[in-house]
Amino acid sequence: MTDLLAITTDQTLWWITLAVGLVVALVVAGLLEALRRTVVQVNEAVAVLWTMGTRVAQNTSTTYVLETTKARGHDLNVELARHNRSADERSHQP
């Protein structure tokens, strides 16, 4: 009966090798899953950052026009002042 359960040293080494290989495979699978989850989180964060950056770019794409707007606003104020003076002069005439 003991002969049926007896295994050779080579067989023992193979079983140990298979067990170690299984442990290594499980550890590698766990590390790869952790890496996959981290990559998904980074991808989501980059997508949010890209969206916000795109919105900022859209909101600031026409800032070069502000100088022209400022100049036109000044011209408008000058014109309004001229009209006000003209209206005041007409209202004071007898």
PDB file of N, CA and C in Angstrom:
ATOM      1  N   MET A   1       0.813  -1.193   0.000  1.00  0.00           N
ATOM      2  CA  MET A   1       0.000   0.000   0.000  1.00  0.00           C
ATOM      3  C   MET A   1       0.860   1.262   0.000  1.00  0.00           C
ATOM      4  N   THR A   2       1.935   1.241   0.707  1.00  0.00           N
ATOM      5  CA  THR A   2       2.792   2.412   0.742  1.00  0.00           C
ATOM      6  C   THR A   2       3.470   2.648  -0.598  1.00  0.00           C
ATOM      7  N   ASP A   3       3.574   1.627  -1.410  1.00  0.00           N
ATOM      8  CA  ASP A   3       4.184   1.791  -2.723  1.00  0.00           C
ATOM      9  C   ASP A   3       3.319   2.650  -3.654  1.00  0.00           C
ATOM     10  N   LEU A   4       2.010   2.626  -3.465  1.00  0.00           N
ATOM     11  CA  LEU A   4       1.122   3.408  -4.320  1.00  0.00           C
ATOM     12  C   LEU A   4       1.264   4.911  -4.058  1.00  0.00           C
ATOM     13  N   LEU A   5       1.513   5.293  -2.807  1.00  0.00           N
ATOM     14  CA  LEU A   5       1.619   6.694  -2.446  1.00  0.00           C
ATOM     15  C   LEU A   5       3.039   7.223  -2.551  1.00  0.00           C
ATOM     16  N   ALA A   6       3.957   6.350  -2.712  1.00  0.00           N
ATOM     17  CA  ALA A   6       5.350   6.781  -2.773  1.00  0.00           C
ATOM     18  C   ALA A   6       5.606   7.477  -4.108  1.00  0.00           C
ATOM     19  N   ILE A   7       6.244   8.642  -4.006  1.00  0.00           N
ATOM     20  CA  ILE A   7       6.622   9.355  -5.220  1.00  0.00           C
ATOM     21  C   ILE A   7       8.122   9.590  -5.169  1.00  0.00           C
ATOM     22  N   THR A   8       8.685   9.732  -6.313  1.00  0.00           N
ATOM     23  CA  THR A   8      10.129   9.904  -6.376  1.00  0.00           C
ATOM     24  C   THR A   8      10.492  11.354  -6.078  1.00  0.00           C
ATOM     25  N   THR A   9      11.766  11.558  -5.886  1.00  0.00           N
ATOM     26  CA  THR A   9      12.259  12.906  -5.627  1.00  0.00           C
ATOM     27  C   THR A   9      11.986  13.809  -6.831  1.00  0.00           C
ATOM     28  N   ASP A  10      12.124  13.288  -8.014  1.00  0.00           N
ATOM     29  CA  ASP A  10      11.831  14.069  -9.219  1.00  0.00           C
ATOM     30  C   ASP A  10      10.367  14.499  -9.255  1.00  0.00           C
ATOM     31  N   GLN A  11       9.490  13.597  -8.889  1.00  0.00           N
ATOM     32  CA  GLN A  11       8.065  13.938  -8.876  1.00  0.00           C
ATOM     33  C   GLN A  11       7.766  14.993  -7.808  1.00  0.00           C
ATOM     34  N   THR A  12       8.412  14.872  -6.671  1.00  0.00           N
ATOM     35  CA  THR A  12       8.227  15.858  -5.606  1.00  0.00           C
ATOM     36  C   THR A  12       8.678  17.235  -6.088  1.00  0.00           C
ATOM     37  N   LEU A  13       9.828  17.274  -6.734  1.00  0.00           N
ATOM     38  CA  LEU A  13      10.323  18.542  -7.259  1.00  0.00           C
ATOM     39  C   LEU A  13       9.378  19.123  -8.311  1.00  0.00           C
ATOM     40  N   TRP A  14       8.797  18.272  -9.145  1.00  0.00           N
ATOM     41  CA  TRP A  14       7.835  18.756 -10.136  1.00  0.00           C
ATOM     42  C   TRP A  14       6.599  19.344  -9.455  1.00  0.00           C
ATOM     43  N   TRP A  15       6.097  18.674  -8.436  1.00  0.00           N
ATOM     44  CA  TRP A  15       4.921  19.193  -7.719  1.00  0.00           C
ATOM     45  C   TRP A  15       5.244  20.531  -7.043  1.00  0.00           C
ATOM     46  N   ILE A  16       6.424  20.628  -6.466  1.00  0.00           N
ATOM     47  CA  ILE A  16       6.832  21.896  -5.838  1.00  0.00           C
ATOM     48  C   ILE A  16       6.949  22.990  -6.902  1.00  0.00           C
ATOM     49  N   THR A  17       7.540  22.642  -8.040  1.00  0.00           N
ATOM     50  CA  THR A  17       7.674  23.599  -9.134  1.00  0.00           C
ATOM     51  C   THR A  17       6.306  24.060  -9.635  1.00  0.00           C
ATOM     52  N   LEU A  18       5.387  23.130  -9.772  1.00  0.00           N
ATOM     53  CA  LEU A  18       4.038  23.492 -10.215  1.00  0.00           C
ATOM     54  C   LEU A  18       3.341  24.394  -9.193  1.00  0.00           C
ATOM     55  N   ALA A  19       3.514  24.098  -7.910  1.00  0.00           N
ATOM     56  CA  ALA A  19       2.896  24.922  -6.867  1.00  0.00           C
ATOM     57  C   ALA A  19       3.490  26.331  -6.872  1.00  0.00           C
ATOM     58  N   VAL A  20       4.806  26.419  -6.978  1.00  0.00           N
ATOM     59  CA  VAL A  20       5.455  27.734  -7.025  1.00  0.00           C
ATOM     60  C   VAL A  20       5.007  28.486  -8.283  1.00  0.00           C
ATOM     61  N   GLY A  21       4.922  27.794  -9.393  1.00  0.00           N
ATOM     62  CA  GLY A  21       4.453  28.420 -10.629  1.00  0.00           C
ATOM     63  C   GLY A  21       3.032  28.946 -10.498  1.00  0.00           C
ATOM     64  N   LEU A  22       2.176  28.193  -9.820  1.00  0.00           N
ATOM     65  CA  LEU A  22       0.802  28.638  -9.597  1.00  0.00           C
ATOM     66  C   LEU A  22       0.776  29.888  -8.731  1.00  0.00           C
ATOM     67  N   VAL A  23       1.580  29.899  -7.670  1.00  0.00           N
ATOM     68  CA  VAL A  23       1.639  31.073  -6.793  1.00  0.00           C
ATOM     69  C   VAL A  23       2.142  32.285  -7.576  1.00  0.00           C
ATOM     70  N   VAL A  24       3.184  32.097  -8.366  1.00  0.00           N
ATOM     71  CA  VAL A  24       3.721  33.199  -9.168  1.00  0.00           C
ATOM     72  C   VAL A  24       2.668  33.694 -10.156  1.00  0.00           C
ATOM     73  N   ALA A  25       1.961  32.778 -10.802  1.00  0.00           N
ATOM     74  CA  ALA A  25       0.924  33.172 -11.757  1.00  0.00           C
ATOM     75  C   ALA A  25      -0.180  33.965 -11.067  1.00  0.00           C
ATOM     76  N   LEU A  26      -0.571  33.555  -9.860  1.00  0.00           N
ATOM     77  CA  LEU A  26      -1.602  34.283  -9.119  1.00  0.00           C
ATOM     78  C   LEU A  26      -1.118  35.674  -8.715  1.00  0.00           C
ATOM     79  N   VAL A  27       0.129  35.768  -8.283  1.00  0.00           N
ATOM     80  CA  VAL A  27       0.682  37.077  -7.908  1.00  0.00           C
ATOM     81  C   VAL A  27       0.745  37.991  -9.133  1.00  0.00           C
ATOM     82  N   VAL A  28       1.200  37.465 -10.257  1.00  0.00           N
ATOM     83  CA  VAL A  28       1.271  38.261 -11.488  1.00  0.00           C
ATOM     84  C   VAL A  28      -0.127  38.704 -11.915  1.00  0.00           C
ATOM     85  N   ALA A  29      -1.105  37.809 -11.818  1.00  0.00           N
ATOM     86  CA  ALA A  29      -2.480  38.174 -12.175  1.00  0.00           C
ATOM     87  C   ALA A  29      -2.994  39.284 -11.260  1.00  0.00           C
ATOM     88  N   GLY A  30      -2.689  39.194  -9.971  1.00  0.00           N
ATOM     89  CA  GLY A  30      -3.105  40.242  -9.037  1.00  0.00           C
ATOM     90  C   GLY A  30      -2.445  41.574  -9.347  1.00  0.00           C
ATOM     91  N   LEU A  31      -1.154  41.545  -9.644  1.00  0.00           N
ATOM     92  CA  LEU A  31      -0.445  42.783  -9.988  1.00  0.00           C
ATOM     93  C   LEU A  31      -0.965  43.389 -11.290  1.00  0.00           C
ATOM     94  N   LEU A  32      -1.250  42.540 -12.264  1.00  0.00           N
ATOM     95  CA  LEU A  32      -1.795  43.044 -13.523  1.00  0.00           C
ATOM     96  C   LEU A  32      -3.178  43.655 -13.324  1.00  0.00           C
ATOM     97  N   GLU A  33      -3.985  43.065 -12.470  1.00  0.00           N
ATOM     98  CA  GLU A  33      -5.309  43.629 -12.178  1.00  0.00           C
ATOM     99  C   GLU A  33      -5.178  44.973 -11.475  1.00  0.00           C
ATOM    100  N   ALA A  34      -4.245  45.077 -10.540  1.00  0.00           N
ATOM    101  CA  ALA A  34      -4.012  46.361  -9.866  1.00  0.00           C
ATOM    102  C   ALA A  34      -3.551  47.408 -10.876  1.00  0.00           C
ATOM    103  N   LEU A  35      -2.676  47.018 -11.790  1.00  0.00           N
ATOM    104  CA  LEU A  35      -2.210  47.931 -12.833  1.00  0.00           C
ATOM    105  C   LEU A  35      -3.361  48.345 -13.744  1.00  0.00           C
ATOM    106  N   ARG A  36      -4.219  47.399 -14.117  1.00  0.00           N
ATOM    107  CA  ARG A  36      -5.359  47.708 -14.978  1.00  0.00           C
ATOM    108  C   ARG A  36      -6.286  48.715 -14.318  1.00  0.00           C
ATOM    109  N   ARG A  37      -6.563  48.515 -13.031  1.00  0.00           N
ATOM    110  CA  ARG A  37      -7.440  49.445 -12.306  1.00  0.00           C
ATOM    111  C   ARG A  37      -6.817  50.840 -12.233  1.00  0.00           C
ATOM    112  N   THR A  38      -5.524  50.895 -12.001  1.00  0.00           N
ATOM    113  CA  THR A  38      -4.836  52.188 -11.950  1.00  0.00           C
ATOM    114  C   THR A  38      -4.887  52.882 -13.307  1.00  0.00           C
ATOM    115  N   VAL A  39      -4.686  52.132 -14.367  1.00  0.00           N
ATOM    116  CA  VAL A  39      -4.737  52.701 -15.715  1.00  0.00           C
ATOM    117  C   VAL A  39      -6.134  53.234 -16.014  1.00  0.00           C
ATOM    118  N   VAL A  40      -7.166  52.521 -15.592  1.00  0.00           N
ATOM    119  CA  VAL A  40      -8.544  52.989 -15.798  1.00  0.00           C
ATOM    120  C   VAL A  40      -8.765  54.298 -15.048  1.00  0.00           C
ATOM    121  N   GLN A  41      -8.284  54.386 -13.809  1.00  0.00           N
ATOM    122  CA  GLN A  41      -8.439  55.621 -13.034  1.00  0.00           C
ATOM    123  C   GLN A  41      -7.689  56.783 -13.691  1.00  0.00           C
ATOM    124  N   VAL A  42      -6.480  56.524 -14.147  1.00  0.00           N
ATOM    125  CA  VAL A  42      -5.700  57.574 -14.814  1.00  0.00           C
ATOM    126  C   VAL A  42      -6.402  58.005 -16.098  1.00  0.00           C
ATOM    127  N   ASN A  43      -6.923  57.046 -16.842  1.00  0.00           N
ATOM    128  CA  ASN A  43      -7.628  57.358 -18.083  1.00  0.00           C
ATOM    129  C   ASN A  43      -8.848  58.236 -17.815  1.00  0.00           C
ATOM    130  N   GLU A  44      -9.598  57.930 -16.762  1.00  0.00           N
ATOM    131  CA  GLU A  44     -10.765  58.745 -16.414  1.00  0.00           C
ATOM    132  C   GLU A  44     -10.337  60.155 -16.012  1.00  0.00           C
ATOM    133  N   ALA A  45      -9.268  60.258 -15.231  1.00  0.00           N
ATOM    134  CA  ALA A  45      -8.784  61.576 -14.805  1.00  0.00           C
ATOM    135  C   ALA A  45      -8.289  62.388 -16.001  1.00  0.00           C
ATOM    136  N   VAL A  46      -7.611  61.742 -16.930  1.00  0.00           N
ATOM    137  CA  VAL A  46      -7.120  62.438 -18.120  1.00  0.00           C
ATOM    138  C   VAL A  46      -8.292  62.895 -18.986  1.00  0.00           C
ATOM    139  N   ALA A  47      -9.340  62.082 -19.069  1.00  0.00           N
ATOM    140  CA  ALA A  47     -10.518  62.477 -19.851  1.00  0.00           C
ATOM    141  C   ALA A  47     -11.160  63.723 -19.257  1.00  0.00           C
ATOM    142  N   VAL A  48     -11.270  63.776 -17.925  1.00  0.00           N
ATOM    143  CA  VAL A  48     -11.836  64.959 -17.270  1.00  0.00           C
ATOM    144  C   VAL A  48     -10.932  66.165 -17.514  1.00  0.00           C
ATOM    145  N   LEU A  49      -9.640  65.978 -17.364  1.00  0.00           N
ATOM    146  CA  LEU A  49      -8.690  67.069 -17.588  1.00  0.00           C
ATOM    147  C   LEU A  49      -8.752  67.567 -19.031  1.00  0.00           C
ATOM    148  N   TRP A  50      -8.844  66.652 -19.978  1.00  0.00           N
ATOM    149  CA  TRP A  50      -8.934  67.028 -21.386  1.00  0.00           C
ATOM    150  C   TRP A  50     -10.204  67.841 -21.646  1.00  0.00           C
ATOM    151  N   THR A  51     -11.316  67.416 -21.053  1.00  0.00           N
ATOM    152  CA  THR A  51     -12.581  68.137 -21.225  1.00  0.00           C
ATOM    153  C   THR A  51     -12.470  69.543 -20.661  1.00  0.00           C
ATOM    154  N   MET A  52     -11.916  69.673 -19.460  1.00  0.00           N
ATOM    155  CA  MET A  52     -11.774  70.998 -18.851  1.00  0.00           C
ATOM    156  C   MET A  52     -10.814  71.876 -19.662  1.00  0.00           C
ATOM    157  N   GLY A  53      -9.725  71.307 -20.118  1.00  0.00           N
ATOM    158  CA  GLY A  53      -8.780  72.065 -20.934  1.00  0.00           C
ATOM    159  C   GLY A  53      -9.411  72.537 -22.237  1.00  0.00           C
ATOM    160  N   THR A  54     -10.221  71.690 -22.842  1.00  0.00           N
ATOM    161  CA  THR A  54     -10.919  72.069 -24.066  1.00  0.00           C
ATOM    162  C   THR A  54     -11.884  73.212 -23.806  1.00  0.00           C
ATOM    163  N   ARG A  55     -12.591  73.149 -22.681  1.00  0.00           N
ATOM    164  CA  ARG A  55     -13.526  74.228 -22.341  1.00  0.00           C
ATOM    165  C   ARG A  55     -12.785  75.543 -22.100  1.00  0.00           C
ATOM    166  N   VAL A  56     -11.659  75.473 -21.408  1.00  0.00           N
ATOM    167  CA  VAL A  56     -10.869  76.689 -21.175  1.00  0.00           C
ATOM    168  C   VAL A  56     -10.396  77.257 -22.510  1.00  0.00           C
ATOM    169  N   ALA A  57      -9.939  76.390 -23.388  1.00  0.00           N
ATOM    170  CA  ALA A  57      -9.476  76.850 -24.703  1.00  0.00           C
ATOM    171  C   ALA A  57     -10.611  77.504 -25.488  1.00  0.00           C
ATOM    172  N   GLN A  58     -11.797  76.924 -25.410  1.00  0.00           N
ATOM    173  CA  GLN A  58     -12.938  77.515 -26.113  1.00  0.00           C
ATOM    174  C   GLN A  58     -13.297  78.871 -25.524  1.00  0.00           C
ATOM    175  N   ASN A  59     -13.216  78.984 -24.202  1.00  0.00           N
ATOM    176  CA  ASN A  59     -13.594  80.233 -23.548  1.00  0.00           C
ATOM    177  C   ASN A  59     -12.557  81.333 -23.736  1.00  0.00           C
ATOM    178  N   THR A  60     -11.342  80.975 -24.050  1.00  0.00           N
ATOM    179  CA  THR A  60     -10.289  81.989 -24.180  1.00  0.00           C
ATOM    180  C   THR A  60      -9.797  82.143 -25.613  1.00  0.00           C
ATOM    181  N   SER A  61     -10.462  81.512 -26.557  1.00  0.00           N
ATOM    182  CA  SER A  61      -9.965  81.544 -27.937  1.00  0.00           C
ATOM    183  C   SER A  61     -10.127  82.903 -28.592  1.00  0.00           C
ATOM    184  N   THR A  62     -10.981  83.757 -28.061  1.00  0.00           N
ATOM    185  CA  THR A  62     -11.209  85.064 -28.689  1.00  0.00           C
ATOM    186  C   THR A  62     -10.757  86.221 -27.811  1.00  0.00           C
ATOM    187  N   THR A  63      -9.865  85.969 -26.873  1.00  0.00           N
ATOM    188  CA  THR A  63      -9.416  87.053 -25.990  1.00  0.00           C
ATOM    189  C   THR A  63      -8.630  88.115 -26.743  1.00  0.00           C
ATOM    190  N   TYR A  64      -8.074  87.778 -27.897  1.00  0.00           N
ATOM    191  CA  TYR A  64      -7.332  88.773 -28.676  1.00  0.00           C
ATOM    192  C   TYR A  64      -8.251  89.904 -29.141  1.00  0.00           C
ATOM    193  N   VAL A  65      -9.563  89.672 -29.156  1.00  0.00           N
ATOM    194  CA  VAL A  65     -10.520  90.679 -29.613  1.00  0.00           C
ATOM    195  C   VAL A  65     -10.785  91.720 -28.521  1.00  0.00           C
ATOM    196  N   LEU A  66     -10.376  91.456 -27.295  1.00  0.00           N
ATOM    197  CA  LEU A  66     -10.679  92.373 -26.195  1.00  0.00           C
ATOM    198  C   LEU A  66     -10.069  93.753 -26.410  1.00  0.00           C
ATOM    199  N   GLU A  67      -8.893  93.834 -26.979  1.00  0.00           N
ATOM    200  CA  GLU A  67      -8.286  95.148 -27.242  1.00  0.00           C
ATOM    201  C   GLU A  67      -9.145  95.946 -28.217  1.00  0.00           C
ATOM    202  N   THR A  68      -9.637  95.302 -29.247  1.00  0.00           N
ATOM    203  CA  THR A  68     -10.519  95.976 -30.204  1.00  0.00           C
ATOM    204  C   THR A  68     -11.812  96.395 -29.522  1.00  0.00           C
ATOM    205  N   THR A  69     -12.360  95.519 -28.685  1.00  0.00           N
ATOM    206  CA  THR A  69     -13.588  95.845 -27.962  1.00  0.00           C
ATOM    207  C   THR A  69     -13.367  97.049 -27.052  1.00  0.00           C
ATOM    208  N   LYS A  70     -12.219  97.078 -26.394  1.00  0.00           N
ATOM    209  CA  LYS A  70     -11.894  98.209 -25.518  1.00  0.00           C
ATOM    210  C   LYS A  70     -11.812  99.506 -26.325  1.00  0.00           C
ATOM    211  N   ALA A  71     -11.150  99.459 -27.462  1.00  0.00           N
ATOM    212  CA  ALA A  71     -11.017 100.654 -28.307  1.00  0.00           C
ATOM    213  C   ALA A  71     -12.379 101.114 -28.811  1.00  0.00           C
ATOM    214  N   ARG A  72     -13.224 100.179 -29.234  1.00  0.00           N
ATOM    215  CA  ARG A  72     -14.561 100.548 -29.717  1.00  0.00           C
ATOM    216  C   ARG A  72     -15.416 101.102 -28.582  1.00  0.00           C
ATOM    217  N   GLY A  73     -15.254 100.578 -27.392  1.00  0.00           N
ATOM    218  CA  GLY A  73     -15.974 101.113 -26.229  1.00  0.00           C
ATOM    219  C   GLY A  73     -15.554 102.540 -25.933  1.00  0.00           C
ATOM    220  N   HIS A  74     -14.260 102.803 -26.029  1.00  0.00           N
ATOM    221  CA  HIS A  74     -13.764 104.170 -25.820  1.00  0.00           C
ATOM    222  C   HIS A  74     -14.328 105.108 -26.890  1.00  0.00           C
ATOM    223  N   ASP A  75     -14.305 104.659 -28.141  1.00  0.00           N
ATOM    224  CA  ASP A  75     -14.870 105.473 -29.227  1.00  0.00           C
ATOM    225  C   ASP A  75     -16.347 105.759 -28.981  1.00  0.00           C
ATOM    226  N   LEU A  76     -17.068 104.772 -28.491  1.00  0.00           N
ATOM    227  CA  LEU A  76     -18.492 104.950 -28.194  1.00  0.00           C
ATOM    228  C   LEU A  76     -18.696 105.976 -27.087  1.00  0.00           C
ATOM    229  N   ASN A  77     -17.868 105.915 -26.050  1.00  0.00           N
ATOM    230  CA  ASN A  77     -17.970 106.903 -24.964  1.00  0.00           C
ATOM    231  C   ASN A  77     -17.696 108.315 -25.472  1.00  0.00           C
ATOM    232  N   VAL A  78     -16.707 108.466 -26.324  1.00  0.00           N
ATOM    233  CA  VAL A  78     -16.398 109.780 -26.901  1.00  0.00           C
ATOM    234  C   VAL A  78     -17.588 110.277 -27.710  1.00  0.00           C
ATOM    235  N   GLU A  79     -18.164 109.411 -28.519  1.00  0.00           N
ATOM    236  CA  GLU A  79     -19.316 109.798 -29.341  1.00  0.00           C
ATOM    237  C   GLU A  79     -20.517 110.165 -28.475  1.00  0.00           C
ATOM    238  N   LEU A  80     -20.754 109.394 -27.415  1.00  0.00           N
ATOM    239  CA  LEU A  80     -21.867 109.712 -26.503  1.00  0.00           C
ATOM    240  C   LEU A  80     -21.650 111.050 -25.813  1.00  0.00           C
ATOM    241  N   ALA A  81     -20.426 111.326 -25.426  1.00  0.00           N
ATOM    242  CA  ALA A  81     -20.128 112.613 -24.792  1.00  0.00           C
ATOM    243  C   ALA A  81     -20.387 113.750 -25.772  1.00  0.00           C
ATOM    244  N   ARG A  82     -20.023 113.561 -27.024  1.00  0.00           N
ATOM    245  CA  ARG A  82     -20.263 114.583 -28.048  1.00  0.00           C
ATOM    246  C   ARG A  82     -21.763 114.815 -28.232  1.00  0.00           C
ATOM    247  N   HIS A  83     -22.544 113.730 -28.268  1.00  0.00           N
ATOM    248  CA  HIS A  83     -23.999 113.865 -28.405  1.00  0.00           C
ATOM    249  C   HIS A  83     -24.603 114.553 -27.186  1.00  0.00           C
ATOM    250  N   ASN A  84     -24.108 114.210 -26.009  1.00  0.00           N
ATOM    251  CA  ASN A  84     -24.627 114.848 -24.790  1.00  0.00           C
ATOM    252  C   ASN A  84     -24.334 116.348 -24.794  1.00  0.00           C
ATOM    253  N   ARG A  85     -23.128 116.730 -25.192  1.00  0.00           N
ATOM    254  CA  ARG A  85     -22.800 118.165 -25.266  1.00  0.00           C
ATOM    255  C   ARG A  85     -23.704 118.873 -26.268  1.00  0.00           C
ATOM    256  N   SER A  86     -23.926 118.233 -27.399  1.00  0.00           N
ATOM    257  CA  SER A  86     -24.776 118.826 -28.428  1.00  0.00           C
ATOM    258  C   SER A  86     -26.209 118.971 -27.925  1.00  0.00           C
ATOM    259  N   ALA A  87     -26.696 117.962 -27.218  1.00  0.00           N
ATOM    260  CA  ALA A  87     -28.055 118.024 -26.675  1.00  0.00           C
ATOM    261  C   ALA A  87     -28.149 119.095 -25.600  1.00  0.00           C
ATOM    262  N   ASP A  88     -27.112 119.220 -24.774  1.00  0.00           N
ATOM    263  CA  ASP A  88     -27.108 120.249 -23.724  1.00  0.00           C
ATOM    264  C   ASP A  88     -27.105 121.643 -24.344  1.00  0.00           C
ATOM    265  N   GLU A  89     -26.328 121.826 -25.398  1.00  0.00           N
ATOM    266  CA  GLU A  89     -26.260 123.133 -26.057  1.00  0.00           C
ATOM    267  C   GLU A  89     -27.616 123.506 -26.652  1.00  0.00           C
ATOM    268  N   ARG A  90     -28.306 122.522 -27.235  1.00  0.00           N
ATOM    269  CA  ARG A  90     -29.612 122.806 -27.824  1.00  0.00           C
ATOM    270  C   ARG A  90     -30.658 123.096 -26.756  1.00  0.00           C
ATOM    271  N   SER A  91     -30.536 122.454 -25.621  1.00  0.00           N
ATOM    272  CA  SER A  91     -31.535 122.674 -24.568  1.00  0.00           C
ATOM    273  C   SER A  91     -31.342 124.026 -23.887  1.00  0.00           C
ATOM    274  N   HIS A  92     -30.147 124.592 -23.938  1.00  0.00           N
ATOM    275  CA  HIS A  92     -29.891 125.893 -23.315  1.00  0.00           C
ATOM    276  C   HIS A  92     -30.124 127.055 -24.274  1.00  0.00           C
ATOM    277  N   GLN A  93     -30.371 126.814 -25.526  1.00  0.00           N
ATOM    278  CA  GLN A  93     -30.613 127.897 -26.483  1.00  0.00           C
ATOM    279  C   GLN A  93     -32.039 128.429 -26.297  1.00  0.00           C
ATOM    280  N   PRO A  94     -32.195 129.765 -26.402  1.00  0.00           N
ATOM    281  CA  PRO A  94     -33.536 130.360 -26.222  1.00  0.00           C
ATOM    282  C   PRO A  94     -34.477 130.104 -27.368  1.00  0.00           C
TER     283      PRO A  94
END
